[in-house]
Amino acid sequence: MTAHGKNYLHHILKSFGGPFLFHCNNNIKDLTISSQFYTELLQWWADFRDEFSAEKPWHNIIWNNKDIRIDNKPIFYKTFFESGITRVTDLRFDLNVIESCTIVTKKMKKQIFWYGQVSDMPYCPT
């Protein structure tokens, strides 16, 4: 792929995480991509990957995941993604709310709102 082609790909997929979208468990129908070529390429890749891969690590990726939705839409939070939080395990739900929030906050280098099992704690303390 030429540099121009790569730049165009990055541009049209920017709001979904750029080429990272090829690693996601997405449903192409959920995405608004202006290029029919890249829409079909992503669909082909998803079908190929599902058919021939014994392991399916993309099912654990949070962003653009057809099984993880808010208001029936897949999600992509750029701030979390850019901080390296891409998989469900990165949110550390194996810990209590305060511990997982503290770890994620340090990774993001700023305070975030963290809703969890404790309803009377609306944010993560620093």
Protein backbone atom coordinates (compact mmCIF):
# COMPACT_ATOMS: atom_id res chain seq x y z
CA MET A 1 0.00 0.00 0.00
CA THR A 2 1.33 3.41 -0.91
CA ALA A 3 1.84 6.18 1.62
CA HIS A 4 -1.19 7.96 0.16
CA GLY A 5 -3.31 4.82 0.58
CA LYS A 6 -2.19 4.42 4.18
CA ASN A 7 -2.95 8.06 4.95
CA TYR A 8 -6.42 7.71 3.43
CA LEU A 9 -7.05 4.51 5.42
CA HIS A 10 -5.98 6.22 8.65
CA HIS A 11 -8.21 9.19 7.82
CA ILE A 12 -11.43 7.29 7.09
CA LEU A 13 -10.97 4.95 10.07
CA LYS A 14 -9.77 7.67 12.50
CA SER A 15 -12.99 7.84 14.53
CA PHE A 16 -12.84 4.04 15.06
CA GLY A 17 -9.18 3.85 16.10
CA GLY A 18 -7.56 3.78 12.67
CA PRO A 19 -6.10 0.46 11.48
CA PHE A 20 -6.78 -0.87 15.00
CA LEU A 21 -10.30 -1.51 13.69
CA PHE A 22 -8.90 -4.57 11.88
CA HIS A 23 -8.23 -6.08 15.33
CA CYS A 24 -11.75 -5.47 16.69
CA ASN A 25 -14.77 -7.77 16.95
CA ASN A 26 -16.94 -5.47 14.90
CA ASN A 27 -20.09 -5.64 12.86
CA ILE A 28 -19.50 -3.66 9.68
CA LYS A 29 -23.16 -2.60 9.64
CA ASP A 30 -22.49 -0.60 12.85
CA LEU A 31 -19.77 1.48 11.19
CA THR A 32 -20.15 4.47 8.92
CA ILE A 33 -17.17 4.25 6.59
CA SER A 34 -17.17 6.49 3.54
CA SER A 35 -15.26 4.03 1.34
CA GLN A 36 -17.08 1.00 -0.01
CA PHE A 37 -13.71 -0.61 -0.73
CA TYR A 38 -12.57 -0.42 2.91
CA THR A 39 -16.02 -1.44 4.15
CA GLU A 40 -15.83 -4.58 2.01
CA LEU A 41 -12.20 -5.16 3.03
CA LEU A 42 -13.10 -5.01 6.72
CA GLN A 43 -16.03 -7.38 6.16
CA TRP A 44 -13.82 -9.82 4.25
CA TRP A 45 -11.17 -9.66 6.98
CA ALA A 46 -13.72 -10.30 9.75
CA ASP A 47 -15.22 -13.27 7.88
CA PHE A 48 -11.81 -14.72 7.02
CA ARG A 49 -10.49 -14.33 10.55
CA ASP A 50 -13.57 -15.93 12.14
CA GLU A 51 -13.49 -18.85 9.71
CA PHE A 52 -9.81 -19.78 9.91
CA SER A 53 -8.60 -18.78 13.37
CA ALA A 54 -8.76 -21.33 16.19
CA GLU A 55 -8.21 -18.63 18.81
CA LYS A 56 -10.30 -15.48 18.75
CA PRO A 57 -8.43 -12.87 20.86
CA TRP A 58 -10.33 -10.00 19.19
CA HIS A 59 -13.45 -11.01 21.13
CA ASN A 60 -11.86 -9.51 24.27
CA ILE A 61 -11.25 -6.09 22.72
CA ILE A 62 -13.63 -3.49 24.12
CA TRP A 63 -13.72 -0.98 21.29
CA ASN A 64 -15.93 -1.44 18.24
CA ASN A 65 -17.04 -4.77 19.69
CA LYS A 66 -20.40 -5.95 18.37
CA ASP A 67 -21.07 -7.64 21.73
CA ILE A 68 -20.21 -4.64 23.96
CA ARG A 69 -22.67 -1.82 23.38
CA ILE A 70 -24.12 1.32 24.93
CA ASP A 71 -27.54 2.42 23.68
CA ASN A 72 -27.29 -0.47 21.23
CA LYS A 73 -24.18 1.04 19.59
CA PRO A 74 -20.59 -0.19 19.76
CA ILE A 75 -18.25 2.13 21.63
CA PHE A 76 -14.85 3.67 21.03
CA TYR A 77 -13.36 5.96 23.67
CA LYS A 78 -10.26 7.53 22.19
CA THR A 79 -8.79 8.60 25.54
CA PHE A 80 -8.93 5.06 26.93
CA PHE A 81 -7.63 3.60 23.65
CA GLU A 82 -4.68 6.02 23.51
CA SER A 83 -3.85 5.12 27.12
CA GLY A 84 -3.45 1.47 26.15
CA ILE A 85 -6.78 0.26 27.46
CA THR A 86 -8.07 -2.00 24.72
CA ARG A 87 -9.15 -5.27 26.32
CA VAL A 88 -11.69 -6.06 29.00
CA THR A 89 -8.87 -7.33 31.22
CA ASP A 90 -7.20 -3.88 31.07
CA LEU A 91 -10.11 -2.52 33.15
CA ARG A 92 -9.10 -4.86 36.00
CA PHE A 93 -12.59 -5.97 37.00
CA ASP A 94 -10.87 -8.79 38.89
CA LEU A 95 -10.11 -6.19 41.60
CA ASN A 96 -12.46 -4.13 43.72
CA VAL A 97 -13.77 -0.84 42.31
CA ILE A 98 -11.22 1.41 44.06
CA GLU A 99 -8.20 -0.72 43.11
CA SER A 100 -9.24 -1.10 39.47
CA CYS A 101 -10.04 2.61 39.22
CA THR A 102 -6.66 3.54 40.69
CA ILE A 103 -4.81 1.35 38.18
CA VAL A 104 -6.76 2.68 35.20
CA THR A 105 -6.41 6.28 36.40
CA LYS A 106 -2.63 5.94 36.69
CA LYS A 107 -2.51 4.45 33.22
CA MET A 108 -4.54 7.36 31.85
CA LYS A 109 -2.61 9.93 33.93
CA LYS A 110 -5.76 11.80 34.91
CA GLN A 111 -8.86 11.37 37.00
CA ILE A 112 -11.71 9.52 35.40
CA PHE A 113 -15.24 8.76 36.43
CA TRP A 114 -15.60 5.13 37.36
CA TYR A 115 -18.94 3.54 38.01
CA GLY A 116 -18.85 0.11 39.47
CA GLN A 117 -20.35 -2.04 42.14
CA VAL A 118 -20.40 0.72 44.75
CA SER A 119 -23.28 3.05 43.86
CA ASP A 120 -22.38 5.71 46.45
CA MET A 121 -18.92 6.28 44.93
CA PRO A 122 -19.50 8.19 41.68
CA TYR A 123 -15.86 8.85 40.87
CA CYS A 124 -12.44 7.43 41.39
CA PRO A 125 -10.51 9.08 44.24
CA THR A 126 -6.94 10.12 43.57
